[in-house]
Amino acid sequence: SRSSVLVTHANMSFKRLVPLLDRVLVSRVLPETKSAGGLLLPESAQTKMNRGVVIAVGNGARDAQGAIIPMGIKAGDNVLLPEWGGNDVKIDGEDFTLFRHDDILGILEN
């Protein structure tokens, strides 16, 4: 089964964004805006968070024989992301990032 995101626009009907091949759509976790003591942090002091939640995944890449290589992550997984990379996309006013499966550094578990 494929996971997808509903995309809406004022002048369009609903569409689905389904990542292709080994691509993963991620919503980055927002950085903390307050310190542990409750002080508001300026943007320059906020660090870019390298965590995110998987929103949708493609079916997987293909090997040399054409067989699909299954994805190691699924929608809803909390993942560790590289500091740089990915393609930023905006869907219905929300910011997401598309990564290749190989770019995801790991799954964060409780």
N, C-alpha and C. Protein backbone atom coordinates (compact mmCIF):
# COMPACT_ATOMS: atom_id res chain seq x y z
N SER A 1 0.84 -1.18 0.00
CA SER A 1 0.00 0.00 0.00
C SER A 1 0.88 1.23 0.00
N ARG A 2 0.42 2.27 -0.64
CA ARG A 2 1.18 3.51 -0.76
C ARG A 2 0.67 4.52 0.24
N SER A 3 1.57 5.29 0.80
CA SER A 3 1.16 6.39 1.65
C SER A 3 1.25 7.67 0.81
N SER A 4 0.39 8.62 1.11
CA SER A 4 0.36 9.84 0.32
C SER A 4 -0.11 11.00 1.17
N VAL A 5 -0.05 12.17 0.61
CA VAL A 5 -0.52 13.38 1.26
C VAL A 5 -1.56 14.01 0.37
N LEU A 6 -2.67 14.43 0.95
CA LEU A 6 -3.67 15.14 0.17
C LEU A 6 -3.19 16.56 -0.07
N VAL A 7 -3.31 17.00 -1.30
CA VAL A 7 -2.88 18.34 -1.68
C VAL A 7 -4.13 19.11 -2.12
N THR A 8 -4.35 20.27 -1.56
CA THR A 8 -5.50 21.06 -1.95
C THR A 8 -5.05 22.46 -2.36
N HIS A 9 -5.75 23.01 -3.29
CA HIS A 9 -5.55 24.39 -3.74
C HIS A 9 -6.93 24.97 -3.98
N ALA A 10 -7.07 26.27 -3.85
CA ALA A 10 -8.38 26.91 -3.98
C ALA A 10 -9.01 26.64 -5.34
N ASN A 11 -8.21 26.55 -6.39
CA ASN A 11 -8.77 26.39 -7.73
C ASN A 11 -8.60 24.97 -8.27
N MET A 12 -8.25 24.00 -7.42
CA MET A 12 -8.05 22.63 -7.87
C MET A 12 -8.80 21.68 -6.96
N SER A 13 -9.14 20.51 -7.50
CA SER A 13 -9.72 19.48 -6.66
C SER A 13 -8.61 18.79 -5.89
N PHE A 14 -8.98 17.88 -5.02
CA PHE A 14 -7.98 17.16 -4.23
C PHE A 14 -7.06 16.36 -5.13
N LYS A 15 -5.81 16.36 -4.78
CA LYS A 15 -4.81 15.54 -5.46
C LYS A 15 -4.00 14.85 -4.40
N ARG A 16 -3.33 13.80 -4.79
CA ARG A 16 -2.49 13.07 -3.86
C ARG A 16 -1.03 13.22 -4.27
N LEU A 17 -0.19 13.46 -3.30
CA LEU A 17 1.25 13.48 -3.56
C LEU A 17 1.79 12.14 -3.09
N VAL A 18 2.23 11.33 -4.03
CA VAL A 18 2.81 10.03 -3.72
C VAL A 18 4.28 10.09 -4.14
N PRO A 19 5.20 10.02 -3.19
CA PRO A 19 6.62 10.04 -3.57
C PRO A 19 6.93 8.87 -4.50
N LEU A 20 7.80 9.10 -5.46
CA LEU A 20 8.17 8.06 -6.41
C LEU A 20 9.42 7.33 -5.95
N LEU A 21 9.52 6.09 -6.39
CA LEU A 21 10.69 5.25 -6.16
C LEU A 21 11.11 5.24 -4.69
N ASP A 22 12.35 5.67 -4.41
CA ASP A 22 12.87 5.60 -3.04
C ASP A 22 12.81 6.94 -2.33
N ARG A 23 11.86 7.78 -2.70
CA ARG A 23 11.76 9.10 -2.08
C ARG A 23 10.86 9.05 -0.85
N VAL A 24 11.18 9.94 0.10
CA VAL A 24 10.48 9.99 1.38
C VAL A 24 10.08 11.44 1.65
N LEU A 25 8.80 11.69 1.92
CA LEU A 25 8.31 13.02 2.25
C LEU A 25 8.32 13.17 3.76
N VAL A 26 9.03 14.20 4.25
CA VAL A 26 9.25 14.39 5.68
C VAL A 26 8.79 15.77 6.11
N SER A 27 8.19 15.84 7.27
CA SER A 27 7.87 17.11 7.91
C SER A 27 8.91 17.31 9.01
N ARG A 28 9.73 18.35 8.88
CA ARG A 28 10.78 18.59 9.89
C ARG A 28 10.15 19.02 11.21
N VAL A 29 10.75 18.59 12.31
CA VAL A 29 10.33 19.02 13.64
C VAL A 29 10.86 20.43 13.83
N LEU A 30 10.00 21.33 14.28
CA LEU A 30 10.40 22.73 14.46
C LEU A 30 11.35 22.88 15.65
N PRO A 31 12.33 23.78 15.54
CA PRO A 31 13.27 23.98 16.66
C PRO A 31 12.57 24.63 17.84
N GLU A 32 13.14 24.42 19.01
CA GLU A 32 12.61 25.03 20.23
C GLU A 32 12.71 26.55 20.13
N THR A 33 11.66 27.24 20.53
CA THR A 33 11.67 28.70 20.51
C THR A 33 11.87 29.28 21.90
N LYS A 34 11.86 28.41 22.94
CA LYS A 34 12.10 28.85 24.31
C LYS A 34 13.21 28.02 24.92
N SER A 35 13.95 28.65 25.80
CA SER A 35 15.00 27.93 26.53
C SER A 35 14.36 27.11 27.65
N ALA A 36 15.17 26.28 28.30
CA ALA A 36 14.67 25.47 29.41
C ALA A 36 14.11 26.36 30.52
N GLY A 37 14.63 27.56 30.65
CA GLY A 37 14.18 28.50 31.67
C GLY A 37 12.97 29.33 31.25
N GLY A 38 12.49 29.13 30.02
CA GLY A 38 11.31 29.85 29.56
C GLY A 38 11.59 31.12 28.78
N LEU A 39 12.87 31.43 28.52
CA LEU A 39 13.22 32.63 27.75
C LEU A 39 13.03 32.37 26.26
N LEU A 40 12.53 33.37 25.55
CA LEU A 40 12.39 33.25 24.10
C LEU A 40 13.76 33.31 23.45
N LEU A 41 14.02 32.41 22.54
CA LEU A 41 15.31 32.37 21.84
C LEU A 41 15.21 33.13 20.52
N PRO A 42 16.18 33.98 20.21
CA PRO A 42 16.18 34.63 18.89
C PRO A 42 16.46 33.58 17.82
N GLU A 43 16.05 33.87 16.59
CA GLU A 43 16.25 32.92 15.50
C GLU A 43 17.70 32.52 15.33
N SER A 44 18.62 33.46 15.59
CA SER A 44 20.04 33.15 15.42
C SER A 44 20.52 32.11 16.42
N ALA A 45 19.84 31.97 17.56
CA ALA A 45 20.23 31.00 18.58
C ALA A 45 19.53 29.65 18.38
N GLN A 46 18.50 29.62 17.53
CA GLN A 46 17.79 28.37 17.28
C GLN A 46 18.59 27.53 16.29
N THR A 47 18.69 26.27 16.57
CA THR A 47 19.42 25.38 15.66
C THR A 47 18.45 24.68 14.72
N LYS A 48 18.92 24.38 13.52
CA LYS A 48 18.09 23.65 12.57
C LYS A 48 17.96 22.22 13.07
N MET A 49 16.74 21.77 13.24
CA MET A 49 16.52 20.45 13.79
C MET A 49 16.75 19.39 12.72
N ASN A 50 17.44 18.35 13.10
CA ASN A 50 17.72 17.26 12.18
C ASN A 50 16.81 16.08 12.45
N ARG A 51 15.60 16.39 12.91
CA ARG A 51 14.60 15.35 13.13
C ARG A 51 13.37 15.66 12.31
N GLY A 52 12.63 14.62 11.99
CA GLY A 52 11.40 14.83 11.24
C GLY A 52 10.49 13.63 11.38
N VAL A 53 9.27 13.80 10.87
CA VAL A 53 8.28 12.72 10.86
C VAL A 53 8.01 12.38 9.41
N VAL A 54 8.06 11.09 9.09
CA VAL A 54 7.79 10.63 7.73
C VAL A 54 6.30 10.77 7.46
N ILE A 55 5.96 11.47 6.39
CA ILE A 55 4.58 11.69 6.01
C ILE A 55 4.14 10.67 4.96
N ALA A 56 5.01 10.40 3.99
CA ALA A 56 4.68 9.45 2.92
C ALA A 56 5.97 8.88 2.34
N VAL A 57 5.90 7.65 1.82
CA VAL A 57 7.06 7.00 1.22
C VAL A 57 6.67 6.42 -0.14
N GLY A 58 7.67 6.33 -1.03
CA GLY A 58 7.47 5.68 -2.32
C GLY A 58 7.52 4.17 -2.15
N ASN A 59 7.38 3.46 -3.27
CA ASN A 59 7.38 2.00 -3.23
C ASN A 59 8.78 1.43 -3.03
N GLY A 60 9.82 2.17 -3.37
CA GLY A 60 11.19 1.69 -3.25
C GLY A 60 11.91 1.76 -4.58
N ALA A 61 13.23 1.74 -4.51
CA ALA A 61 14.06 1.77 -5.72
C ALA A 61 14.03 0.40 -6.38
N ARG A 62 14.56 0.33 -7.58
CA ARG A 62 14.65 -0.95 -8.30
C ARG A 62 16.11 -1.36 -8.41
N ASP A 63 16.36 -2.67 -8.28
CA ASP A 63 17.71 -3.18 -8.45
C ASP A 63 18.00 -3.41 -9.93
N ALA A 64 19.17 -3.95 -10.26
CA ALA A 64 19.59 -4.15 -11.65
C ALA A 64 18.65 -5.09 -12.42
N GLN A 65 17.99 -6.00 -11.71
CA GLN A 65 17.07 -6.93 -12.37
C GLN A 65 15.64 -6.38 -12.44
N GLY A 66 15.43 -5.20 -11.88
CA GLY A 66 14.11 -4.57 -11.93
C GLY A 66 13.23 -4.87 -10.74
N ALA A 67 13.71 -5.64 -9.78
CA ALA A 67 12.92 -5.95 -8.59
C ALA A 67 12.93 -4.75 -7.65
N ILE A 68 11.82 -4.53 -6.97
CA ILE A 68 11.71 -3.41 -6.04
C ILE A 68 12.44 -3.74 -4.74
N ILE A 69 13.28 -2.80 -4.30
CA ILE A 69 13.97 -2.91 -3.01
C ILE A 69 13.06 -2.26 -1.98
N PRO A 70 12.55 -3.01 -1.01
CA PRO A 70 11.59 -2.44 -0.05
C PRO A 70 12.19 -1.31 0.78
N MET A 71 11.33 -0.41 1.17
CA MET A 71 11.74 0.73 1.99
C MET A 71 11.91 0.26 3.43
N GLY A 72 12.88 0.85 4.13
CA GLY A 72 13.14 0.50 5.52
C GLY A 72 12.40 1.39 6.50
N ILE A 73 11.63 2.35 6.00
CA ILE A 73 10.87 3.24 6.87
C ILE A 73 9.44 3.32 6.37
N LYS A 74 8.55 3.81 7.24
CA LYS A 74 7.14 3.91 6.88
C LYS A 74 6.58 5.24 7.39
N ALA A 75 5.42 5.62 6.90
CA ALA A 75 4.77 6.84 7.34
C ALA A 75 4.57 6.78 8.85
N GLY A 76 4.86 7.89 9.53
CA GLY A 76 4.72 7.97 10.97
C GLY A 76 6.02 7.78 11.73
N ASP A 77 7.06 7.24 11.06
CA ASP A 77 8.36 7.05 11.73
C ASP A 77 9.00 8.40 12.04
N ASN A 78 9.65 8.50 13.20
CA ASN A 78 10.48 9.66 13.55
C ASN A 78 11.88 9.35 13.08
N VAL A 79 12.46 10.24 12.27
CA VAL A 79 13.74 9.95 11.65
C VAL A 79 14.77 11.03 11.93
N LEU A 80 16.04 10.62 11.84
CA LEU A 80 17.17 11.54 11.95
C LEU A 80 17.57 11.93 10.53
N LEU A 81 17.66 13.23 10.28
CA LEU A 81 17.91 13.74 8.94
C LEU A 81 19.30 14.34 8.83
N PRO A 82 19.84 14.37 7.61
CA PRO A 82 21.11 15.07 7.42
C PRO A 82 20.89 16.57 7.58
N GLU A 83 21.95 17.28 7.94
CA GLU A 83 21.83 18.72 8.13
C GLU A 83 21.47 19.43 6.82
N TRP A 84 22.03 18.95 5.72
CA TRP A 84 21.78 19.56 4.41
C TRP A 84 21.20 18.50 3.47
N GLY A 85 20.56 18.95 2.42
CA GLY A 85 20.05 18.03 1.42
C GLY A 85 18.54 18.00 1.39
N GLY A 86 18.02 17.20 0.51
CA GLY A 86 16.58 17.11 0.34
C GLY A 86 16.07 18.24 -0.54
N ASN A 87 14.86 18.09 -0.98
CA ASN A 87 14.20 19.11 -1.80
C ASN A 87 13.02 19.66 -1.02
N ASP A 88 13.02 20.96 -0.76
CA ASP A 88 11.93 21.59 -0.04
C ASP A 88 10.72 21.74 -0.95
N VAL A 89 9.55 21.37 -0.42
CA VAL A 89 8.29 21.53 -1.16
C VAL A 89 7.27 22.16 -0.23
N LYS A 90 6.36 22.92 -0.80
CA LYS A 90 5.30 23.54 -0.03
C LYS A 90 3.98 22.96 -0.54
N ILE A 91 3.21 22.37 0.36
CA ILE A 91 1.93 21.76 0.01
C ILE A 91 0.86 22.40 0.86
N ASP A 92 -0.06 23.06 0.21
CA ASP A 92 -1.17 23.71 0.89
C ASP A 92 -0.69 24.57 2.05
N GLY A 93 0.40 25.32 1.83
CA GLY A 93 0.91 26.23 2.83
C GLY A 93 1.83 25.60 3.87
N GLU A 94 2.00 24.28 3.85
CA GLU A 94 2.88 23.61 4.80
C GLU A 94 4.19 23.25 4.13
N ASP A 95 5.29 23.34 4.88
CA ASP A 95 6.61 23.02 4.36
C ASP A 95 6.97 21.57 4.64
N PHE A 96 7.45 20.89 3.61
CA PHE A 96 7.91 19.51 3.70
C PHE A 96 9.24 19.42 2.97
N THR A 97 9.94 18.30 3.17
CA THR A 97 11.19 18.05 2.46
C THR A 97 11.16 16.64 1.90
N LEU A 98 11.54 16.50 0.62
CA LEU A 98 11.66 15.19 -0.02
C LEU A 98 13.11 14.74 0.06
N PHE A 99 13.34 13.55 0.61
CA PHE A 99 14.67 12.96 0.69
C PHE A 99 14.66 11.63 -0.06
N ARG A 100 15.83 11.18 -0.46
CA ARG A 100 15.99 9.81 -0.92
C ARG A 100 16.11 8.93 0.32
N HIS A 101 15.65 7.71 0.20
CA HIS A 101 15.69 6.77 1.32
C HIS A 101 17.10 6.67 1.90
N ASP A 102 18.12 6.62 1.04
CA ASP A 102 19.51 6.49 1.49
C ASP A 102 20.00 7.71 2.26
N ASP A 103 19.34 8.86 2.10
CA ASP A 103 19.76 10.08 2.80
C ASP A 103 19.29 10.11 4.25
N ILE A 104 18.27 9.33 4.58
CA ILE A 104 17.75 9.28 5.95
C ILE A 104 18.80 8.57 6.81
N LEU A 105 19.23 9.20 7.91
CA LEU A 105 20.32 8.66 8.72
C LEU A 105 19.88 7.55 9.66
N GLY A 106 18.64 7.58 10.10
CA GLY A 106 18.18 6.54 11.03
C GLY A 106 16.77 6.80 11.51
N ILE A 107 16.22 5.79 12.18
CA ILE A 107 14.89 5.90 12.79
C ILE A 107 15.09 6.13 14.28
N LEU A 108 14.40 7.14 14.82
CA LEU A 108 14.48 7.45 16.25
C LEU A 108 13.38 6.70 16.98
N GLU A 109 13.77 5.89 17.93
CA GLU A 109 12.79 5.11 18.71
C GLU A 109 12.78 5.57 20.15
N ASN A 110 11.66 5.41 20.82
CA ASN A 110 11.55 5.79 22.25
C ASN A 110 12.23 4.75 23.11
